[in-house]
Each structure stands twice: as C-alpha cells, then as structure tokens.
Amino acid sequence: MNWKSLFTPGANISPDEARDFMAEHQLGEYQLLDVRQLNEYEQGHIPGSMLIPVRELTERMGELDRTKPTFVY
C-alpha cells in the first residue's frame, strides 16, 4: 500500500496556512504527525507532534484519529 493513500482526500497547504490553522484551533482539534526518523525528531520537532516514521506508518495507522485534520511533516 502506498502510504500517501492513507491520507486521501488530502491537500497540500503552505507553512503559513498551517500556522494560521493551528493558531485558530486547539491542539486536541487536530494532529501533528512527524514522519521523520527518531534522531531527526529528537533534534527538534513541533511541540505536540507525534512521531511515526514513514516506514512504520502503515502498521501504526491505528494510533491516529481519522476524524481530525492531520498535518504531516
């Protein structure tokens, strides 16, 4: 399965649009998903984000709430 198909329908938005959305909503109303590797996450990540490396994504999709908007980086 192509991991991108896990997020359809989806849209690409700019960093400014994501910041605006996050400023207007509380963290519990959306999810931040960091798909980088652990060492990259440990070096720095957006506060409140969840780490699921892209290679583990298909096996760990159950950890995400599909009813919430999800920002993936």
C-alpha atoms as a PDB file:
ATOM      1  CA  MET A   1       0.000   0.000   0.000  1.00  0.00           C
ATOM      2  CA  ASN A   2       1.235   3.468  -0.857  1.00  0.00           C
ATOM      3  CA  TRP A   3       1.471   5.478   2.393  1.00  0.00           C
ATOM      4  CA  LYS A   4       0.168   8.594   0.639  1.00  0.00           C
ATOM      5  CA  SER A   5      -3.156   6.843   0.035  1.00  0.00           C
ATOM      6  CA  LEU A   6      -3.653   6.698   3.809  1.00  0.00           C
ATOM      7  CA  PHE A   7      -4.320  10.437   3.840  1.00  0.00           C
ATOM      8  CA  THR A   8      -6.737  10.871   0.962  1.00  0.00           C
ATOM      9  CA  PRO A   9      -8.503  13.064   0.450  1.00  0.00           C
ATOM     10  CA  GLY A  10      -5.748  15.428   1.370  1.00  0.00           C
ATOM     11  CA  ALA A  11      -4.459  18.806   0.426  1.00  0.00           C
ATOM     12  CA  ASN A  12      -1.085  20.420   0.394  1.00  0.00           C
ATOM     13  CA  ILE A  13      -1.021  23.685   2.283  1.00  0.00           C
ATOM     14  CA  SER A  14       1.717  26.202   2.871  1.00  0.00           C
ATOM     15  CA  PRO A  15       3.524  26.535   6.202  1.00  0.00           C
ATOM     16  CA  ASP A  16       1.769  29.884   6.695  1.00  0.00           C
ATOM     17  CA  GLU A  17      -1.646  28.268   6.177  1.00  0.00           C
ATOM     18  CA  ALA A  18      -0.761  25.531   8.679  1.00  0.00           C
ATOM     19  CA  ARG A  19       0.392  28.116  11.243  1.00  0.00           C
ATOM     20  CA  ASP A  20      -2.823  30.104  10.761  1.00  0.00           C
ATOM     21  CA  PHE A  21      -4.945  26.970  11.239  1.00  0.00           C
ATOM     22  CA  MET A  22      -3.040  25.972  14.386  1.00  0.00           C
ATOM     23  CA  ALA A  23      -3.354  29.493  15.800  1.00  0.00           C
ATOM     24  CA  GLU A  24      -7.132  29.341  15.371  1.00  0.00           C
ATOM     25  CA  HIS A  25      -7.588  25.833  16.829  1.00  0.00           C
ATOM     26  CA  GLN A  26      -6.539  23.959  19.947  1.00  0.00           C
ATOM     27  CA  LEU A  27      -4.124  21.029  19.617  1.00  0.00           C
ATOM     28  CA  GLY A  28      -6.806  18.494  20.518  1.00  0.00           C
ATOM     29  CA  GLU A  29      -8.772  19.565  17.433  1.00  0.00           C
ATOM     30  CA  TYR A  30      -6.037  18.428  15.016  1.00  0.00           C
ATOM     31  CA  GLN A  31      -2.984  16.167  14.902  1.00  0.00           C
ATOM     32  CA  LEU A  32       0.631  16.868  14.061  1.00  0.00           C
ATOM     33  CA  LEU A  33       2.376  13.848  12.603  1.00  0.00           C
ATOM     34  CA  ASP A  34       6.147  13.811  12.238  1.00  0.00           C
ATOM     35  CA  VAL A  35       7.165  11.060   9.803  1.00  0.00           C
ATOM     36  CA  ARG A  36      10.923  11.603  10.065  1.00  0.00           C
ATOM     37  CA  GLN A  37      13.358   9.295  11.830  1.00  0.00           C
ATOM     38  CA  LEU A  38      13.789   9.237  15.626  1.00  0.00           C
ATOM     39  CA  ASN A  39      17.147  11.025  15.575  1.00  0.00           C
ATOM     40  CA  GLU A  40      15.641  13.864  13.497  1.00  0.00           C
ATOM     41  CA  TYR A  41      12.663  14.117  15.859  1.00  0.00           C
ATOM     42  CA  GLU A  42      14.979  14.234  18.883  1.00  0.00           C
ATOM     43  CA  GLN A  43      16.972  17.065  17.310  1.00  0.00           C
ATOM     44  CA  GLY A  44      13.828  19.149  17.113  1.00  0.00           C
ATOM     45  CA  HIS A  45      10.129  18.853  16.393  1.00  0.00           C
ATOM     46  CA  ILE A  46       6.937  20.859  16.578  1.00  0.00           C
ATOM     47  CA  PRO A  47       5.602  20.716  20.152  1.00  0.00           C
ATOM     48  CA  GLY A  48       2.632  18.369  20.411  1.00  0.00           C
ATOM     49  CA  SER A  49       3.620  16.327  17.382  1.00  0.00           C
ATOM     50  CA  MET A  50       3.517  12.542  17.305  1.00  0.00           C
ATOM     51  CA  LEU A  51       6.404  10.558  15.820  1.00  0.00           C
ATOM     52  CA  ILE A  52       5.558   7.746  13.439  1.00  0.00           C
ATOM     53  CA  PRO A  53       8.431   7.238  10.990  1.00  0.00           C
ATOM     54  CA  VAL A  54       7.153   6.887   7.431  1.00  0.00           C
ATOM     55  CA  ARG A  55       8.355   3.267   7.212  1.00  0.00           C
ATOM     56  CA  GLU A  56       6.140   2.370  10.195  1.00  0.00           C
ATOM     57  CA  LEU A  57       3.116   4.332   9.076  1.00  0.00           C
ATOM     58  CA  THR A  58       1.014   1.550   7.570  1.00  0.00           C
ATOM     59  CA  GLU A  59       1.419  -0.607  10.691  1.00  0.00           C
ATOM     60  CA  ARG A  60       0.702   2.243  13.130  1.00  0.00           C
ATOM     61  CA  MET A  61      -2.257   3.975  11.479  1.00  0.00           C
ATOM     62  CA  GLY A  62      -4.457   2.849  14.374  1.00  0.00           C
ATOM     63  CA  GLU A  63      -2.680   5.393  16.584  1.00  0.00           C
ATOM     64  CA  LEU A  64      -4.168   8.265  14.574  1.00  0.00           C
ATOM     65  CA  ASP A  65      -7.640   9.745  14.890  1.00  0.00           C
ATOM     66  CA  ARG A  66      -9.027   9.758  11.351  1.00  0.00           C
ATOM     67  CA  THR A  67     -11.747  12.233  12.357  1.00  0.00           C
ATOM     68  CA  LYS A  68      -9.261  15.042  12.992  1.00  0.00           C
ATOM     69  CA  PRO A  69      -7.345  17.128  10.470  1.00  0.00           C
ATOM     70  CA  THR A  70      -3.793  15.792  10.361  1.00  0.00           C
ATOM     71  CA  PHE A  71      -0.728  17.808   9.447  1.00  0.00           C
ATOM     72  CA  VAL A  72       2.095  15.562   8.246  1.00  0.00           C
ATOM     73  CA  TYR A  73       5.717  16.671   8.041  1.00  0.00           C
END
